[in-house]
Structure formats: C-alpha cells, structure tokens
Amino acid sequence: MVIAYLESEILANGMPSNDYTPNSVLITALDEKKEAVSGAQIHIVSNDNMRITPSSGVTNQDGQVVFCATSNADGIFSIQVASGNIKDKAELYFSPVNEAKVIITGREKIGEEYETITIQVYDKNTIKPIKNSIVSYKIDQAINISNILEIALNSDTIRSMITDEIGQFQINLKGKAGGNCIIRVTANNYVGSVKYSIG
C-alpha cells in the first residue's frame, strides 16, 4: 500500500512537557482509502531545541508509531513528519521548568523486600509545597532496587500520583538492603531529584 496521508496527534498526559517529561506524538499513516499502512518508515525532523526519540520508526499493524520529544527550551516548536514525499507538521509546547527541592519524609518497610516511601516536593526558591498536583517520577541509576505499582498483587497498595496538601506523595519500591537509586520527580512544571538507599 502507498501512503497518501500522515496524521500527527499530540498525546497529552496531564503533565507539562519539558526537558524531563516528554511530549508524545502519535503518527498514523493512511492510504487513499484512509486505511492504515503498516511497515511504513517514518522520519521526524526538528530544530536544535528538541530531542526526538527515536528519530525514525516503522508503523505497526494499525499504521501507527509513537515518538517522544523533550526540550531544554520553553515555547512552541514545530516538527516535520515525513514518509517519502508525504509530509505533515505538528506543533509541540514545552513549559518553562522550575527547580524543586525533593526530600524523603517517611518510609515503611513491608516484608523482606518491599518499602513504601513518602516524598515531599517544594519550590526550591520559595520553599512552598507543590500541593494538589499531578506528579510523575522515574528511577535512575538503580542498583538492587526497582519501583513497582503494587505490593504483592494488593491493589490497595497502588499509590495516588497527586501530591497532597503538604506536597507529599508515596511510591512503592522493591529491593535489597544496600540498594540505591536516584528518584527524579516532576510535579506541574517543577523538576527535582533525591537519592535513596534501602537501609
């Protein structure tokens, strides 16, 4: 099948995009009958302010492929999506990033290998808590430690990814004594990190 159209859609996930939290771009390749084209090579061209991962990809059986874009500059930037001579454009918005202070305020050991830790997020300059905000996190440089959605298949242990009235949220970890990592947190347009070790 020959591609006649490319459609680009920005997948919003409730978080402002920046150097840490990506914009996700869904590309759909369609033929003249507006039916999906699988196995199509898609390329993205962007300016120097953005990093695109991956820079090219192949559409799946639904004619779709997803790219992620991060930027260390704020503003609206255009990308060009191309497959052969067929092109489309999308505009991505990146918000300015503020620095957060992230601290561990509590930990609860559950069994031999699980912990629930409480994390508090502040504006580093004003020391005001980032409260009632959607939050995301990732674990970096992990040694003998990993994040998990729930503990021992107990859905009651799934934690809310919204900070409370004092800027706190909880995550579940699985690991061994001596395990350590860096926890990188985004809340609204605040970004910060904290080191953590299992005692």
C-alpha atoms as a PDB file:
ATOM      1  CA  MET A   1       0.000   0.000   0.000  1.00  0.00           C
ATOM      2  CA  VAL A   2       1.117   3.536  -0.752  1.00  0.00           C
ATOM      3  CA  ILE A   3       0.894   6.276   1.860  1.00  0.00           C
ATOM      4  CA  ALA A   4      -1.392   9.144   0.896  1.00  0.00           C
ATOM      5  CA  TYR A   5      -1.736  10.860   4.275  1.00  0.00           C
ATOM      6  CA  LEU A   6       0.147  11.282   7.527  1.00  0.00           C
ATOM      7  CA  GLU A   7      -1.776  12.361  10.610  1.00  0.00           C
ATOM      8  CA  SER A   8       0.026  13.692  13.698  1.00  0.00           C
ATOM      9  CA  GLU A   9      -1.583  13.799  17.133  1.00  0.00           C
ATOM     10  CA  ILE A  10      -0.085  15.090  20.376  1.00  0.00           C
ATOM     11  CA  LEU A  11      -0.830  12.692  23.236  1.00  0.00           C
ATOM     12  CA  ALA A  12      -1.319  14.822  26.354  1.00  0.00           C
ATOM     13  CA  ASN A  13      -0.672  13.013  29.615  1.00  0.00           C
ATOM     14  CA  GLY A  14      -1.660  15.776  32.028  1.00  0.00           C
ATOM     15  CA  MET A  15       1.922  16.889  32.600  1.00  0.00           C
ATOM     16  CA  PRO A  16       3.649  19.908  31.072  1.00  0.00           C
ATOM     17  CA  SER A  17       6.381  18.808  28.695  1.00  0.00           C
ATOM     18  CA  ASN A  18       9.945  19.962  29.256  1.00  0.00           C
ATOM     19  CA  ASP A  19      13.482  18.576  29.401  1.00  0.00           C
ATOM     20  CA  TYR A  20      12.306  15.713  31.642  1.00  0.00           C
ATOM     21  CA  THR A  21       8.690  14.986  30.738  1.00  0.00           C
ATOM     22  CA  PRO A  22       8.233  14.329  27.008  1.00  0.00           C
ATOM     23  CA  ASN A  23       5.577  15.274  24.519  1.00  0.00           C
ATOM     24  CA  SER A  24       4.380  12.065  22.871  1.00  0.00           C
ATOM     25  CA  VAL A  25       3.482  12.303  19.182  1.00  0.00           C
ATOM     26  CA  LEU A  26       1.295   9.628  17.572  1.00  0.00           C
ATOM     27  CA  ILE A  27       1.795   9.343  13.798  1.00  0.00           C
ATOM     28  CA  THR A  28      -0.740   7.448  11.678  1.00  0.00           C
ATOM     29  CA  ALA A  29      -0.009   6.505   8.043  1.00  0.00           C
ATOM     30  CA  LEU A  30      -3.055   6.148   5.763  1.00  0.00           C
ATOM     31  CA  ASP A  31      -3.614   5.203   2.122  1.00  0.00           C
ATOM     32  CA  GLU A  32      -6.017   6.832  -0.377  1.00  0.00           C
ATOM     33  CA  LYS A  33      -8.960   4.984   1.219  1.00  0.00           C
ATOM     34  CA  LYS A  34      -7.912   6.267   4.666  1.00  0.00           C
ATOM     35  CA  GLU A  35      -6.899   2.742   5.683  1.00  0.00           C
ATOM     36  CA  ALA A  36      -3.856   2.091   7.869  1.00  0.00           C
ATOM     37  CA  VAL A  37      -0.492   1.455   6.214  1.00  0.00           C
ATOM     38  CA  SER A  38       1.759  -0.849   8.246  1.00  0.00           C
ATOM     39  CA  GLY A  39       5.525  -1.218   7.840  1.00  0.00           C
ATOM     40  CA  ALA A  40       5.979   2.381   6.664  1.00  0.00           C
ATOM     41  CA  GLN A  41       9.224   4.184   7.512  1.00  0.00           C
ATOM     42  CA  ILE A  42       8.514   7.483   9.309  1.00  0.00           C
ATOM     43  CA  HIS A  43      11.094  10.226   9.929  1.00  0.00           C
ATOM     44  CA  ILE A  44      10.868  13.297  12.157  1.00  0.00           C
ATOM     45  CA  VAL A  45      12.830  16.495  11.553  1.00  0.00           C
ATOM     46  CA  SER A  46      13.054  19.000  14.415  1.00  0.00           C
ATOM     47  CA  ASN A  47      15.061  22.049  15.421  1.00  0.00           C
ATOM     48  CA  ASP A  48      18.077  22.063  17.720  1.00  0.00           C
ATOM     49  CA  ASN A  49      15.996  22.755  20.840  1.00  0.00           C
ATOM     50  CA  MET A  50      14.382  19.325  20.797  1.00  0.00           C
ATOM     51  CA  ARG A  51      15.474  15.746  21.247  1.00  0.00           C
ATOM     52  CA  ILE A  52      13.304  13.195  19.421  1.00  0.00           C
ATOM     53  CA  THR A  53      13.330   9.519  20.429  1.00  0.00           C
ATOM     54  CA  PRO A  54      13.585   7.598  18.181  1.00  0.00           C
ATOM     55  CA  SER A  55      14.445   9.834  15.202  1.00  0.00           C
ATOM     56  CA  SER A  56      12.725   7.387  12.862  1.00  0.00           C
ATOM     57  CA  GLY A  57      10.426   4.402  13.192  1.00  0.00           C
ATOM     58  CA  VAL A  58       8.219   1.908  11.362  1.00  0.00           C
ATOM     59  CA  THR A  59       4.418   1.890  11.633  1.00  0.00           C
ATOM     60  CA  ASN A  60       2.744  -1.063  13.347  1.00  0.00           C
ATOM     61  CA  GLN A  61      -0.208  -3.115  12.053  1.00  0.00           C
ATOM     62  CA  ASP A  62      -2.512  -0.184  12.874  1.00  0.00           C
ATOM     63  CA  GLY A  63      -0.354   2.148  10.777  1.00  0.00           C
ATOM     64  CA  GLN A  64       0.896   3.937  13.883  1.00  0.00           C
ATOM     65  CA  VAL A  65       4.186   4.831  15.519  1.00  0.00           C
ATOM     66  CA  VAL A  66       4.886   6.977  18.604  1.00  0.00           C
ATOM     67  CA  PHE A  67       7.775   9.415  19.068  1.00  0.00           C
ATOM     68  CA  CYS A  68       8.777  11.248  22.266  1.00  0.00           C
ATOM     69  CA  ALA A  69      10.122  14.808  22.275  1.00  0.00           C
ATOM     70  CA  THR A  70      11.865  16.672  25.105  1.00  0.00           C
ATOM     71  CA  SER A  71      13.256  20.200  25.130  1.00  0.00           C
ATOM     72  CA  ASN A  72      15.502  22.259  27.385  1.00  0.00           C
ATOM     73  CA  ALA A  73      13.946  25.451  25.975  1.00  0.00           C
ATOM     74  CA  ASP A  74      10.387  26.597  26.564  1.00  0.00           C
ATOM     75  CA  GLY A  75       7.942  27.703  23.888  1.00  0.00           C
ATOM     76  CA  ILE A  76       6.165  26.302  20.846  1.00  0.00           C
ATOM     77  CA  PHE A  77       8.268  24.373  18.329  1.00  0.00           C
ATOM     78  CA  SER A  78       7.318  22.687  15.068  1.00  0.00           C
ATOM     79  CA  ILE A  79       8.346  19.255  13.884  1.00  0.00           C
ATOM     80  CA  GLN A  80       8.025  17.850  10.386  1.00  0.00           C
ATOM     81  CA  VAL A  81       6.863  14.268   9.965  1.00  0.00           C
ATOM     82  CA  ALA A  82       7.764  12.597   6.672  1.00  0.00           C
ATOM     83  CA  SER A  83       7.483   9.309   4.824  1.00  0.00           C
ATOM     84  CA  GLY A  84       8.912   9.649   1.328  1.00  0.00           C
ATOM     85  CA  ASN A  85       7.213  12.662  -0.263  1.00  0.00           C
ATOM     86  CA  ILE A  86       4.268  12.667   2.175  1.00  0.00           C
ATOM     87  CA  LYS A  87       4.672  15.201   4.985  1.00  0.00           C
ATOM     88  CA  ASP A  88       2.800  16.564   7.980  1.00  0.00           C
ATOM     89  CA  LYS A  89       3.593  19.116  10.693  1.00  0.00           C
ATOM     90  CA  ALA A  90       2.881  19.235  14.405  1.00  0.00           C
ATOM     91  CA  GLU A  91       3.422  21.962  16.990  1.00  0.00           C
ATOM     92  CA  LEU A  92       4.707  20.990  20.422  1.00  0.00           C
ATOM     93  CA  TYR A  93       4.530  23.170  23.525  1.00  0.00           C
ATOM     94  CA  PHE A  94       7.210  23.000  26.196  1.00  0.00           C
ATOM     95  CA  SER A  95       6.761  24.758  29.527  1.00  0.00           C
ATOM     96  CA  PRO A  96       9.480  26.526  31.474  1.00  0.00           C
ATOM     97  CA  VAL A  97      10.989  24.353  34.196  1.00  0.00           C
ATOM     98  CA  ASN A  98      11.355  25.390  37.825  1.00  0.00           C
ATOM     99  CA  GLU A  99      13.683  23.656  40.231  1.00  0.00           C
ATOM    100  CA  ALA A 100      12.110  21.605  43.007  1.00  0.00           C
ATOM    101  CA  LYS A 101      13.517  20.507  46.333  1.00  0.00           C
ATOM    102  CA  VAL A 102      12.673  16.836  46.827  1.00  0.00           C
ATOM    103  CA  ILE A 103      13.043  15.121  50.200  1.00  0.00           C
ATOM    104  CA  ILE A 104      12.159  11.737  51.695  1.00  0.00           C
ATOM    105  CA  THR A 105       9.844  12.318  54.670  1.00  0.00           C
ATOM    106  CA  GLY A 106       8.923   8.755  55.557  1.00  0.00           C
ATOM    107  CA  ARG A 107       9.492   5.082  54.856  1.00  0.00           C
ATOM    108  CA  GLU A 108       7.597   1.944  55.762  1.00  0.00           C
ATOM    109  CA  LYS A 109       9.176  -1.465  55.367  1.00  0.00           C
ATOM    110  CA  ILE A 110       6.732  -4.148  54.223  1.00  0.00           C
ATOM    111  CA  GLY A 111       8.024  -7.696  54.459  1.00  0.00           C
ATOM    112  CA  GLU A 112      11.553  -8.596  53.438  1.00  0.00           C
ATOM    113  CA  GLU A 113      11.850  -6.780  50.125  1.00  0.00           C
ATOM    114  CA  TYR A 114       9.239  -4.009  49.880  1.00  0.00           C
ATOM    115  CA  GLU A 115       9.161  -0.406  51.054  1.00  0.00           C
ATOM    116  CA  THR A 116       6.685   2.433  50.714  1.00  0.00           C
ATOM    117  CA  ILE A 117       8.371   5.810  50.857  1.00  0.00           C
ATOM    118  CA  THR A 118       6.828   9.254  51.240  1.00  0.00           C
ATOM    119  CA  ILE A 119       8.295  12.041  49.120  1.00  0.00           C
ATOM    120  CA  GLN A 120       7.716  15.777  49.594  1.00  0.00           C
ATOM    121  CA  VAL A 121       8.144  18.319  46.792  1.00  0.00           C
ATOM    122  CA  TYR A 122       8.855  22.037  47.355  1.00  0.00           C
ATOM    123  CA  ASP A 123       9.563  25.064  45.195  1.00  0.00           C
ATOM    124  CA  LYS A 124      13.312  25.371  45.785  1.00  0.00           C
ATOM    125  CA  ASN A 125      13.202  29.182  45.865  1.00  0.00           C
ATOM    126  CA  THR A 126      10.085  29.877  47.941  1.00  0.00           C
ATOM    127  CA  ILE A 127      10.069  26.610  49.961  1.00  0.00           C
ATOM    128  CA  LYS A 128       6.318  26.372  49.302  1.00  0.00           C
ATOM    129  CA  PRO A 129       4.993  22.827  48.846  1.00  0.00           C
ATOM    130  CA  ILE A 130       3.830  21.798  45.364  1.00  0.00           C
ATOM    131  CA  LYS A 131       0.404  20.670  46.546  1.00  0.00           C
ATOM    132  CA  ASN A 132      -2.573  19.009  44.820  1.00  0.00           C
ATOM    133  CA  SER A 133      -0.522  18.476  41.657  1.00  0.00           C
ATOM    134  CA  ILE A 134      -0.235  15.581  39.234  1.00  0.00           C
ATOM    135  CA  VAL A 135       3.174  14.046  39.775  1.00  0.00           C
ATOM    136  CA  SER A 136       5.346  11.624  37.834  1.00  0.00           C
ATOM    137  CA  TYR A 137       8.672  10.056  38.677  1.00  0.00           C
ATOM    138  CA  LYS A 138      11.323   7.735  37.335  1.00  0.00           C
ATOM    139  CA  ILE A 139      14.082   5.699  38.932  1.00  0.00           C
ATOM    140  CA  ASP A 140      17.615   6.312  37.632  1.00  0.00           C
ATOM    141  CA  GLN A 141      20.972   4.640  38.328  1.00  0.00           C
ATOM    142  CA  ALA A 142      19.206   1.836  40.194  1.00  0.00           C
ATOM    143  CA  ILE A 143      21.252  -0.830  41.975  1.00  0.00           C
ATOM    144  CA  ASN A 144      19.239  -3.698  43.530  1.00  0.00           C
ATOM    145  CA  ILE A 145      16.098  -1.548  43.640  1.00  0.00           C
ATOM    146  CA  SER A 146      13.062  -1.005  41.402  1.00  0.00           C
ATOM    147  CA  ASN A 147       9.725   0.772  41.528  1.00  0.00           C
ATOM    148  CA  ILE A 148       6.518  -1.270  41.500  1.00  0.00           C
ATOM    149  CA  LEU A 149       2.866  -0.327  41.057  1.00  0.00           C
ATOM    150  CA  GLU A 150       1.528  -2.518  43.853  1.00  0.00           C
ATOM    151  CA  ILE A 151       2.886  -4.705  46.623  1.00  0.00           C
ATOM    152  CA  ALA A 152       2.240  -8.474  46.479  1.00  0.00           C
ATOM    153  CA  LEU A 153      -0.617  -8.023  43.965  1.00  0.00           C
ATOM    154  CA  ASN A 154      -2.586  -5.996  46.533  1.00  0.00           C
ATOM    155  CA  SER A 155      -4.433  -3.258  44.638  1.00  0.00           C
ATOM    156  CA  ASP A 156      -4.948  -1.354  47.905  1.00  0.00           C
ATOM    157  CA  THR A 157      -1.232  -0.511  47.810  1.00  0.00           C
ATOM    158  CA  ILE A 158      -1.464   1.382  44.495  1.00  0.00           C
ATOM    159  CA  ARG A 159      -0.466   4.969  45.314  1.00  0.00           C
ATOM    160  CA  SER A 160      -2.088   8.193  44.114  1.00  0.00           C
ATOM    161  CA  MET A 161       0.059  10.201  41.716  1.00  0.00           C
ATOM    162  CA  ILE A 162      -1.253  13.513  43.059  1.00  0.00           C
ATOM    163  CA  THR A 163       0.528  15.435  45.812  1.00  0.00           C
ATOM    164  CA  ASP A 164      -1.462  16.174  48.960  1.00  0.00           C
ATOM    165  CA  GLU A 165      -1.984  19.451  50.864  1.00  0.00           C
ATOM    166  CA  ILE A 166       1.647  19.489  52.012  1.00  0.00           C
ATOM    167  CA  GLY A 167       3.176  18.416  48.704  1.00  0.00           C
ATOM    168  CA  GLN A 168       3.615  14.735  49.562  1.00  0.00           C
ATOM    169  CA  PHE A 169       3.047  11.544  47.593  1.00  0.00           C
ATOM    170  CA  GLN A 170       4.063   7.908  48.031  1.00  0.00           C
ATOM    171  CA  ILE A 171       5.748   5.279  45.880  1.00  0.00           C
ATOM    172  CA  ASN A 172       6.397   1.557  46.280  1.00  0.00           C
ATOM    173  CA  LEU A 173       9.880   0.109  45.931  1.00  0.00           C
ATOM    174  CA  LYS A 174      11.229  -3.420  45.804  1.00  0.00           C
ATOM    175  CA  GLY A 175      14.846  -4.132  46.630  1.00  0.00           C
ATOM    176  CA  LYS A 176      17.561  -5.472  48.882  1.00  0.00           C
ATOM    177  CA  ALA A 177      19.475  -3.872  51.741  1.00  0.00           C
ATOM    178  CA  GLY A 178      22.106  -1.565  50.285  1.00  0.00           C
ATOM    179  CA  GLY A 179      20.084  -0.983  47.134  1.00  0.00           C
ATOM    180  CA  ASN A 180      20.104   2.620  45.972  1.00  0.00           C
ATOM    181  CA  CYS A 181      18.872   4.894  43.215  1.00  0.00           C
ATOM    182  CA  ILE A 182      18.060   8.456  42.205  1.00  0.00           C
ATOM    183  CA  ILE A 183      14.357   9.346  42.143  1.00  0.00           C
ATOM    184  CA  ARG A 184      13.577  12.068  39.590  1.00  0.00           C
ATOM    185  CA  VAL A 185      10.275  13.861  40.146  1.00  0.00           C
ATOM    186  CA  THR A 186       8.123  16.183  38.031  1.00  0.00           C
ATOM    187  CA  ALA A 187       5.161  17.997  39.619  1.00  0.00           C
ATOM    188  CA  ASN A 188       3.463  20.652  37.497  1.00  0.00           C
ATOM    189  CA  ASN A 189       6.422  22.447  35.909  1.00  0.00           C
ATOM    190  CA  TYR A 190       8.774  21.637  38.783  1.00  0.00           C
ATOM    191  CA  VAL A 191      11.601  19.140  38.427  1.00  0.00           C
ATOM    192  CA  GLY A 192      13.877  17.757  41.116  1.00  0.00           C
ATOM    193  CA  SER A 193      15.601  14.613  42.347  1.00  0.00           C
ATOM    194  CA  VAL A 194      16.638  12.849  45.518  1.00  0.00           C
ATOM    195  CA  LYS A 195      18.992   9.944  46.267  1.00  0.00           C
ATOM    196  CA  TYR A 196      17.557   6.982  48.118  1.00  0.00           C
ATOM    197  CA  SER A 197      19.070   3.905  49.750  1.00  0.00           C
ATOM    198  CA  ILE A 198      17.386   0.900  51.327  1.00  0.00           C
ATOM    199  CA  GLY A 199      18.593   0.639  54.914  1.00  0.00           C
END
